[in-house]
């Protein structure tokens, strides 16, 4: 496409406006996923630091399982975005329908894996008390995975059509339900027995299940469902099925690899003691909340990259990817600045335990810097998925989050004597390396569309 000298400014303005229209609801929806966990952490942390340790160690293996399963659904978004961008709307519903059996199978697999949670935690070196308490949390959280997967693939479908608002509404409702149930079940309101961390897990399970079923119902009866083939059995076309599965597998591997690295660091924190586990949970929750913002921007970027690829717009692919990165960097810098400037105030939201505040507050400056680096690599990873790039990003995540983050974090925390601070520095180094290599990869591939 030839662009006249006068066109760049309006075109850039239109690109920014289009990004914001899609990204802001997606960002809020992704942040809402993390807000479920933030609320769980705050309510449990203010109830008992010991229960917070149970929650943190129990969620650690569940994060890896959940992130991998949710990332598997990424193929829905990529195929829907490309088909919609290319004017092939009838193919969009087929991509969503193909994902539904995986909701069932992956959900059942996640529930089955949680049955071995206590043995896995004991084998990782956790105490018997932490392992038993954490396993009870993990087993309840496992029941929430099918609902979360149904919500995720349905959200990806709608976002691929540039209709993110239903997902945002479902997420907002789920957060209200989760907060109410946490306030009742954790401390045992209205004469109920206090359930602590396990009660918080039940609140999350109910919330995730309701939001998944609600969004499924919306899509099944949505206006224009015939146009998108919502109720039509997907054709047995091998190429779309194989591509959707390949994107799902590689996205899941990337997510599992990255979160396995974080889980390893969580286990290292367990070796430092229960207080360090609680401090690690607070730091990771802050990172995770902002990560969800970056994931939302990255998802919007992936949709728009897929649309541009579907219509054969090479210059649009590159422009959209770098614009998404720039917008995300500004957002991460603002969030990180708030955290770095007010660490004590933020810590007091999570806990009133003086020892926990003293341990964790000094680490928040590292957390703030890590957010910028981690958010950037999330955007480029999603942009590459929008281009259909599969195995190379997975290999790059393996190098950054297994071969760099875990070993560096261990060396800094234990031989280096930095303790919890060393674990977060390890995260920061790995995220910086991932950002560098993924941005270079996107730069090269965006010139070959």
Foldseek 3Di string as FASTA:
>chain_A
DDDDPPPPVVVLVVLVVLLCLLLPLLLLLLLLVLLLVVLLLQLLQAVDLLLSLLLLLLCLVVQLLLQLLLLLLLLLLLVLLLCVLQVNLQVNLQSLVLCLVSLVVSLVVLLVVLVCQLVVLVVLPFDNVSSVSSSLLNNLLSLQRSLQNLLSNLQSSCSLVSRNVLSSVLSVVLSVQLNVQSVCAQVPPPPGHHDRSNSSSNSSSVSSNSSSVVSLVCQVPPPPNVVNNNPPHRDPDPPSSVLSSLSSNLSSLLSSLQSVLVSLLLSVLSVVHSLSNSLSSLLVSLLSSLLSSLLSLLSSLLSQLSSCVSVPNLVSLVSSLVVSLVVSLVVLLVSLVVCLVPLLVSVVSSHPDVVSSVVRSVLSNLSSLLSNLQSLLSNLVSSVVSVSDGNPLSVLSNCLRPVQLNVQLVCCQPVVVPNSSSNSVSSSRSSNSSNVVSVVVSVVVSNVD
